[in-house]
Amino acid sequence: MRIILGIGNPEQRYKNNRHNIGFMLLDYFADKHSLKFKASKQEYYFCKGNISGEKYTLVKPTTYVNNSGIAAKQLLDKLKTPVNELLVICDDINLDIPVFRIRVSGGDGGHNGLSSIIYHLNDNNFARLRLGIGNDFENGSMAEYVLSDFKKDETEKLKYTFEKSIILLEEFIVGGYKQMLNVNSRINKNLIN
């Protein structure tokens, strides 16, 4: 079973924050597939689905960004899912909106949520879908920036990000990260041409 975990903060006041783009994409995906999140007995909300016979679980931790690894560990242990079946969606200040990147493994890139997941899983061999949120902030005000809401013109660009990301999530569910990477290459090639 594939697991797609969005990084974000659970309270309503954070709903449209840049740091919550992982949650936002999962909500968009769930709406498209007529899924509803429900509370678990552990520290996350989840919903389950099926595409072409492939089962998947969408996960939104309730542990806040900096402790996302707690929920990731709980769910992977509960479902006995190997770490390479996990895809994590997170924000990236090094990418502009609507740019997105896939990484199959690696470090946390300075993202506390990814750092927590790597720490709690004791493994970094999971895929990441990094969604650009821009970096239009003064030196020393990054925390304030990532906890700010997207501007109106940015939300228009997010529609593109989400539409293309939905395709990638569906490819991950059906064929794993290699298939997702192949489709991503075609999407990015079309952007350049």
C-alpha atoms as a PDB file:
ATOM      1  CA  MET A   1       0.000   0.000   0.000  1.00  0.00           C
ATOM      2  CA  ARG A   2       1.325   3.413  -0.945  1.00  0.00           C
ATOM      3  CA  ILE A   3       1.270   6.145   1.677  1.00  0.00           C
ATOM      4  CA  ILE A   4       1.178   9.834   0.771  1.00  0.00           C
ATOM      5  CA  LEU A   5       1.866  12.127   3.714  1.00  0.00           C
ATOM      6  CA  GLY A   6       1.411  15.876   3.519  1.00  0.00           C
ATOM      7  CA  ILE A   7       3.353  18.072   5.897  1.00  0.00           C
ATOM      8  CA  GLY A   8       1.406  20.866   7.574  1.00  0.00           C
ATOM      9  CA  ASN A   9      -0.091  22.247  10.766  1.00  0.00           C
ATOM     10  CA  PRO A  10      -3.507  20.943  11.883  1.00  0.00           C
ATOM     11  CA  GLU A  11      -5.252  24.033  13.259  1.00  0.00           C
ATOM     12  CA  GLN A  12      -7.748  25.954  11.114  1.00  0.00           C
ATOM     13  CA  ARG A  13      -5.743  29.187  11.455  1.00  0.00           C
ATOM     14  CA  TYR A  14      -2.895  27.556   9.478  1.00  0.00           C
ATOM     15  CA  LYS A  15      -5.125  26.191   6.724  1.00  0.00           C
ATOM     16  CA  ASN A  16      -3.941  28.530   3.936  1.00  0.00           C
ATOM     17  CA  ASN A  17      -0.369  29.052   5.150  1.00  0.00           C
ATOM     18  CA  ARG A  18       2.546  28.374   2.833  1.00  0.00           C
ATOM     19  CA  HIS A  19       3.810  25.725   5.253  1.00  0.00           C
ATOM     20  CA  ASN A  20       0.506  23.865   4.756  1.00  0.00           C
ATOM     21  CA  ILE A  21       0.829  23.326   1.026  1.00  0.00           C
ATOM     22  CA  GLY A  22       1.204  19.578   1.667  1.00  0.00           C
ATOM     23  CA  PHE A  23      -2.167  19.487   3.438  1.00  0.00           C
ATOM     24  CA  MET A  24      -3.687  21.705   0.745  1.00  0.00           C
ATOM     25  CA  LEU A  25      -2.628  19.332  -2.036  1.00  0.00           C
ATOM     26  CA  LEU A  26      -3.956  16.302  -0.141  1.00  0.00           C
ATOM     27  CA  ASP A  27      -7.303  18.072   0.370  1.00  0.00           C
ATOM     28  CA  TYR A  28      -7.400  18.873  -3.357  1.00  0.00           C
ATOM     29  CA  PHE A  29      -6.592  15.249  -4.225  1.00  0.00           C
ATOM     30  CA  ALA A  30      -9.164  13.886  -1.751  1.00  0.00           C
ATOM     31  CA  ASP A  31     -11.868  16.178  -3.183  1.00  0.00           C
ATOM     32  CA  LYS A  32     -11.068  15.007  -6.710  1.00  0.00           C
ATOM     33  CA  HIS A  33     -11.403  11.369  -5.641  1.00  0.00           C
ATOM     34  CA  SER A  34     -14.445  11.952  -3.357  1.00  0.00           C
ATOM     35  CA  LEU A  35     -12.557  10.972  -0.196  1.00  0.00           C
ATOM     36  CA  LYS A  36     -13.059  12.340   3.314  1.00  0.00           C
ATOM     37  CA  PHE A  37     -10.375  12.518   5.989  1.00  0.00           C
ATOM     38  CA  LYS A  38     -11.174  11.017   9.369  1.00  0.00           C
ATOM     39  CA  ALA A  39      -9.367  11.015  12.696  1.00  0.00           C
ATOM     40  CA  SER A  40      -7.283   8.013  13.668  1.00  0.00           C
ATOM     41  CA  LYS A  41      -6.595   6.752  17.171  1.00  0.00           C
ATOM     42  CA  GLN A  42      -3.041   7.942  16.631  1.00  0.00           C
ATOM     43  CA  GLU A  43      -1.651  11.339  15.653  1.00  0.00           C
ATOM     44  CA  TYR A  44      -2.970  11.838  12.140  1.00  0.00           C
ATOM     45  CA  TYR A  45      -6.018  12.201   9.926  1.00  0.00           C
ATOM     46  CA  PHE A  46      -6.280   9.756   7.053  1.00  0.00           C
ATOM     47  CA  CYS A  47      -8.375   8.510   4.167  1.00  0.00           C
ATOM     48  CA  LYS A  48      -7.982   5.448   2.000  1.00  0.00           C
ATOM     49  CA  GLY A  49      -8.562   4.988  -1.685  1.00  0.00           C
ATOM     50  CA  ASN A  50      -7.934   2.766  -4.663  1.00  0.00           C
ATOM     51  CA  ILE A  51      -6.801   3.581  -8.198  1.00  0.00           C
ATOM     52  CA  SER A  52      -6.677   0.766 -10.775  1.00  0.00           C
ATOM     53  CA  GLY A  53      -6.574  -1.816  -7.993  1.00  0.00           C
ATOM     54  CA  GLU A  54      -3.729  -0.075  -6.138  1.00  0.00           C
ATOM     55  CA  LYS A  55      -4.590   0.858  -2.556  1.00  0.00           C
ATOM     56  CA  TYR A  56      -3.295   4.019  -0.954  1.00  0.00           C
ATOM     57  CA  THR A  57      -3.605   6.054   2.224  1.00  0.00           C
ATOM     58  CA  LEU A  58      -3.463   9.853   2.434  1.00  0.00           C
ATOM     59  CA  VAL A  59      -2.151  11.178   5.754  1.00  0.00           C
ATOM     60  CA  LYS A  60      -2.226  14.566   7.487  1.00  0.00           C
ATOM     61  CA  PRO A  61      -0.298  14.495  10.794  1.00  0.00           C
ATOM     62  CA  THR A  62      -1.787  16.294  13.801  1.00  0.00           C
ATOM     63  CA  THR A  63       1.675  16.707  15.336  1.00  0.00           C
ATOM     64  CA  TYR A  64       2.501  20.012  13.607  1.00  0.00           C
ATOM     65  CA  VAL A  65       5.216  20.380  10.993  1.00  0.00           C
ATOM     66  CA  ASN A  66       8.246  19.948  13.249  1.00  0.00           C
ATOM     67  CA  ASN A  67       7.026  16.580  14.578  1.00  0.00           C
ATOM     68  CA  SER A  68       5.689  15.060  11.353  1.00  0.00           C
ATOM     69  CA  GLY A  69       7.903  12.012  11.825  1.00  0.00           C
ATOM     70  CA  ILE A  70       5.845  10.802  14.787  1.00  0.00           C
ATOM     71  CA  ALA A  71       2.786  10.253  12.575  1.00  0.00           C
ATOM     72  CA  ALA A  72       4.875   8.820   9.722  1.00  0.00           C
ATOM     73  CA  LYS A  73       6.401   6.217  12.047  1.00  0.00           C
ATOM     74  CA  GLN A  74       3.034   5.339  13.621  1.00  0.00           C
ATOM     75  CA  LEU A  75       1.403   4.737  10.254  1.00  0.00           C
ATOM     76  CA  LEU A  76       4.240   2.833   8.584  1.00  0.00           C
ATOM     77  CA  ASP A  77       4.489   0.573  11.651  1.00  0.00           C
ATOM     78  CA  LYS A  78       0.718   0.050  11.806  1.00  0.00           C
ATOM     79  CA  LEU A  79       0.413  -0.837   8.119  1.00  0.00           C
ATOM     80  CA  LYS A  80       3.775  -2.643   8.010  1.00  0.00           C
ATOM     81  CA  THR A  81       4.647  -0.560   4.969  1.00  0.00           C
ATOM     82  CA  PRO A  82       8.258  -0.248   3.765  1.00  0.00           C
ATOM     83  CA  VAL A  83       9.669   3.276   3.694  1.00  0.00           C
ATOM     84  CA  ASN A  84      10.073   3.215  -0.107  1.00  0.00           C
ATOM     85  CA  GLU A  85       6.248   3.110  -0.385  1.00  0.00           C
ATOM     86  CA  LEU A  86       6.072   6.544   1.280  1.00  0.00           C
ATOM     87  CA  LEU A  87       5.771   9.847  -0.582  1.00  0.00           C
ATOM     88  CA  VAL A  88       6.040  13.042   1.475  1.00  0.00           C
ATOM     89  CA  ILE A  89       4.659  16.362   0.197  1.00  0.00           C
ATOM     90  CA  CYS A  90       6.273  19.502   1.601  1.00  0.00           C
ATOM     91  CA  ASP A  91       6.855  23.182   0.935  1.00  0.00           C
ATOM     92  CA  ASP A  92      10.159  24.432  -0.477  1.00  0.00           C
ATOM     93  CA  ILE A  93      11.298  28.051  -0.137  1.00  0.00           C
ATOM     94  CA  ASN A  94      14.024  27.450  -2.724  1.00  0.00           C
ATOM     95  CA  LEU A  95      11.428  26.998  -5.464  1.00  0.00           C
ATOM     96  CA  ASP A  96       9.071  29.636  -6.824  1.00  0.00           C
ATOM     97  CA  ILE A  97       5.362  29.035  -7.295  1.00  0.00           C
ATOM     98  CA  PRO A  98       4.359  26.943  -9.379  1.00  0.00           C
ATOM     99  CA  VAL A  99       7.645  24.998  -9.565  1.00  0.00           C
ATOM    100  CA  PHE A 100       7.804  21.531  -8.010  1.00  0.00           C
ATOM    101  CA  ARG A 101      10.545  18.903  -7.723  1.00  0.00           C
ATOM    102  CA  ILE A 102      10.704  15.221  -6.911  1.00  0.00           C
ATOM    103  CA  ARG A 103      13.499  13.690  -4.864  1.00  0.00           C
ATOM    104  CA  VAL A 104      13.658   9.938  -4.346  1.00  0.00           C
ATOM    105  CA  SER A 105      15.839  10.112  -1.245  1.00  0.00           C
ATOM    106  CA  GLY A 106      18.325  12.408   0.453  1.00  0.00           C
ATOM    107  CA  GLY A 107      18.537  14.896   3.264  1.00  0.00           C
ATOM    108  CA  ASP A 108      16.010  17.261   4.738  1.00  0.00           C
ATOM    109  CA  GLY A 109      17.096  20.346   2.778  1.00  0.00           C
ATOM    110  CA  GLY A 110      16.641  22.434   5.921  1.00  0.00           C
ATOM    111  CA  HIS A 111      12.969  21.455   6.305  1.00  0.00           C
ATOM    112  CA  ASN A 112      12.115  20.599   9.921  1.00  0.00           C
ATOM    113  CA  GLY A 113       9.221  18.343   8.935  1.00  0.00           C
ATOM    114  CA  LEU A 114      11.445  16.246   6.676  1.00  0.00           C
ATOM    115  CA  SER A 115      14.110  16.215   9.379  1.00  0.00           C
ATOM    116  CA  SER A 116      11.574  14.795  11.840  1.00  0.00           C
ATOM    117  CA  ILE A 117      10.483  12.094   9.395  1.00  0.00           C
ATOM    118  CA  ILE A 118      14.069  11.054   8.653  1.00  0.00           C
ATOM    119  CA  TYR A 119      14.817  10.968  12.389  1.00  0.00           C
ATOM    120  CA  HIS A 120      11.758   8.922  13.412  1.00  0.00           C
ATOM    121  CA  LEU A 121      12.023   6.475  10.510  1.00  0.00           C
ATOM    122  CA  ASN A 122      15.810   6.305  10.850  1.00  0.00           C
ATOM    123  CA  ASP A 123      15.794   6.263   7.051  1.00  0.00           C
ATOM    124  CA  ASN A 124      15.852   8.820   4.245  1.00  0.00           C
ATOM    125  CA  ASN A 125      14.957   6.526   1.345  1.00  0.00           C
ATOM    126  CA  PHE A 126      11.463   7.858   0.745  1.00  0.00           C
ATOM    127  CA  ALA A 127      10.259  10.047  -2.111  1.00  0.00           C
ATOM    128  CA  ARG A 128       9.501  13.738  -1.656  1.00  0.00           C
ATOM    129  CA  LEU A 129       7.349  16.042  -3.734  1.00  0.00           C
ATOM    130  CA  ARG A 130       8.665  19.516  -2.951  1.00  0.00           C
ATOM    131  CA  LEU A 131       6.262  22.311  -3.877  1.00  0.00           C
ATOM    132  CA  GLY A 132       7.581  25.820  -4.391  1.00  0.00           C
ATOM    133  CA  ILE A 133       6.267  28.534  -2.081  1.00  0.00           C
ATOM    134  CA  GLY A 134       8.760  31.259  -3.046  1.00  0.00           C
ATOM    135  CA  ASN A 135      11.103  33.135  -0.750  1.00  0.00           C
ATOM    136  CA  ASP A 136       9.990  36.744  -0.784  1.00  0.00           C
ATOM    137  CA  PHE A 137      11.008  37.551   2.782  1.00  0.00           C
ATOM    138  CA  GLU A 138      13.570  39.647   4.613  1.00  0.00           C
ATOM    139  CA  ASN A 139      16.592  38.041   6.214  1.00  0.00           C
ATOM    140  CA  GLY A 140      15.581  36.562   9.573  1.00  0.00           C
ATOM    141  CA  SER A 141      11.839  36.401   8.873  1.00  0.00           C
ATOM    142  CA  MET A 142      11.538  32.962   7.263  1.00  0.00           C
ATOM    143  CA  ALA A 143       9.320  31.531  10.047  1.00  0.00           C
ATOM    144  CA  GLU A 144       6.892  34.422   9.675  1.00  0.00           C
ATOM    145  CA  TYR A 145       6.877  33.947   5.890  1.00  0.00           C
ATOM    146  CA  VAL A 146       6.139  30.199   5.869  1.00  0.00           C
ATOM    147  CA  LEU A 147       3.304  30.784   8.360  1.00  0.00           C
ATOM    148  CA  SER A 148       1.755  33.481   6.160  1.00  0.00           C
ATOM    149  CA  ASP A 149      -1.134  32.844   3.771  1.00  0.00           C
ATOM    150  CA  PHE A 150      -0.658  32.737   0.022  1.00  0.00           C
ATOM    151  CA  LYS A 151      -1.475  35.968  -1.813  1.00  0.00           C
ATOM    152  CA  LYS A 152      -4.383  36.037  -4.261  1.00  0.00           C
ATOM    153  CA  ASP A 153      -2.172  35.985  -7.375  1.00  0.00           C
ATOM    154  CA  GLU A 154      -0.201  33.072  -5.896  1.00  0.00           C
ATOM    155  CA  THR A 155      -3.338  31.003  -5.308  1.00  0.00           C
ATOM    156  CA  GLU A 156      -4.041  31.222  -9.044  1.00  0.00           C
ATOM    157  CA  LYS A 157      -0.596  29.739  -9.752  1.00  0.00           C
ATOM    158  CA  LEU A 158      -1.206  27.022  -7.159  1.00  0.00           C
ATOM    159  CA  LYS A 159      -4.028  25.656  -9.311  1.00  0.00           C
ATOM    160  CA  TYR A 160      -1.414  24.732 -11.918  1.00  0.00           C
ATOM    161  CA  THR A 161       0.837  23.189  -9.255  1.00  0.00           C
ATOM    162  CA  PHE A 162      -2.026  21.125  -7.858  1.00  0.00           C
ATOM    163  CA  GLU A 163      -3.309  19.928 -11.248  1.00  0.00           C
ATOM    164  CA  LYS A 164       0.150  18.701 -12.276  1.00  0.00           C
ATOM    165  CA  SER A 165       0.859  17.285  -8.814  1.00  0.00           C
ATOM    166  CA  ILE A 166      -2.386  15.274  -8.880  1.00  0.00           C
ATOM    167  CA  ILE A 167      -1.091  13.527 -11.996  1.00  0.00           C
ATOM    168  CA  LEU A 168       2.161  12.710 -10.192  1.00  0.00           C
ATOM    169  CA  LEU A 169       0.364  11.385  -7.103  1.00  0.00           C
ATOM    170  CA  GLU A 170      -1.819   9.139  -9.250  1.00  0.00           C
ATOM    171  CA  GLU A 171       1.266   7.824 -11.062  1.00  0.00           C
ATOM    172  CA  PHE A 172       2.983   7.144  -7.724  1.00  0.00           C
ATOM    173  CA  ILE A 173      -0.042   5.179  -6.527  1.00  0.00           C
ATOM    174  CA  VAL A 174      -0.319   3.079  -9.686  1.00  0.00           C
ATOM    175  CA  GLY A 175       3.352   2.551 -10.525  1.00  0.00           C
ATOM    176  CA  GLY A 176       5.597   3.778  -7.723  1.00  0.00           C
ATOM    177  CA  TYR A 177       8.192   6.515  -7.694  1.00  0.00           C
ATOM    178  CA  LYS A 178       9.927   5.432 -10.934  1.00  0.00           C
ATOM    179  CA  GLN A 179       6.728   5.837 -12.922  1.00  0.00           C
ATOM    180  CA  MET A 180       6.107   9.149 -11.167  1.00  0.00           C
ATOM    181  CA  LEU A 181       9.611  10.327 -12.160  1.00  0.00           C
ATOM    182  CA  ASN A 182       9.032   9.393 -15.818  1.00  0.00           C
ATOM    183  CA  VAL A 183       5.785  11.356 -15.963  1.00  0.00           C
ATOM    184  CA  ASN A 184       7.418  14.285 -14.152  1.00  0.00           C
ATOM    185  CA  SER A 185      10.117  14.402 -16.843  1.00  0.00           C
ATOM    186  CA  ARG A 186       7.437  14.715 -19.532  1.00  0.00           C
ATOM    187  CA  ILE A 187       5.595  17.437 -17.586  1.00  0.00           C
ATOM    188  CA  ASN A 188       8.785  19.452 -17.092  1.00  0.00           C
ATOM    189  CA  LYS A 189       9.829  18.957 -20.736  1.00  0.00           C
ATOM    190  CA  ASN A 190       6.487  20.390 -21.869  1.00  0.00           C
ATOM    191  CA  LEU A 191       7.012  23.376 -19.557  1.00  0.00           C
ATOM    192  CA  ILE A 192      10.334  24.177 -21.223  1.00  0.00           C
ATOM    193  CA  ASN A 193       9.129  23.736 -24.832  1.00  0.00           C
END
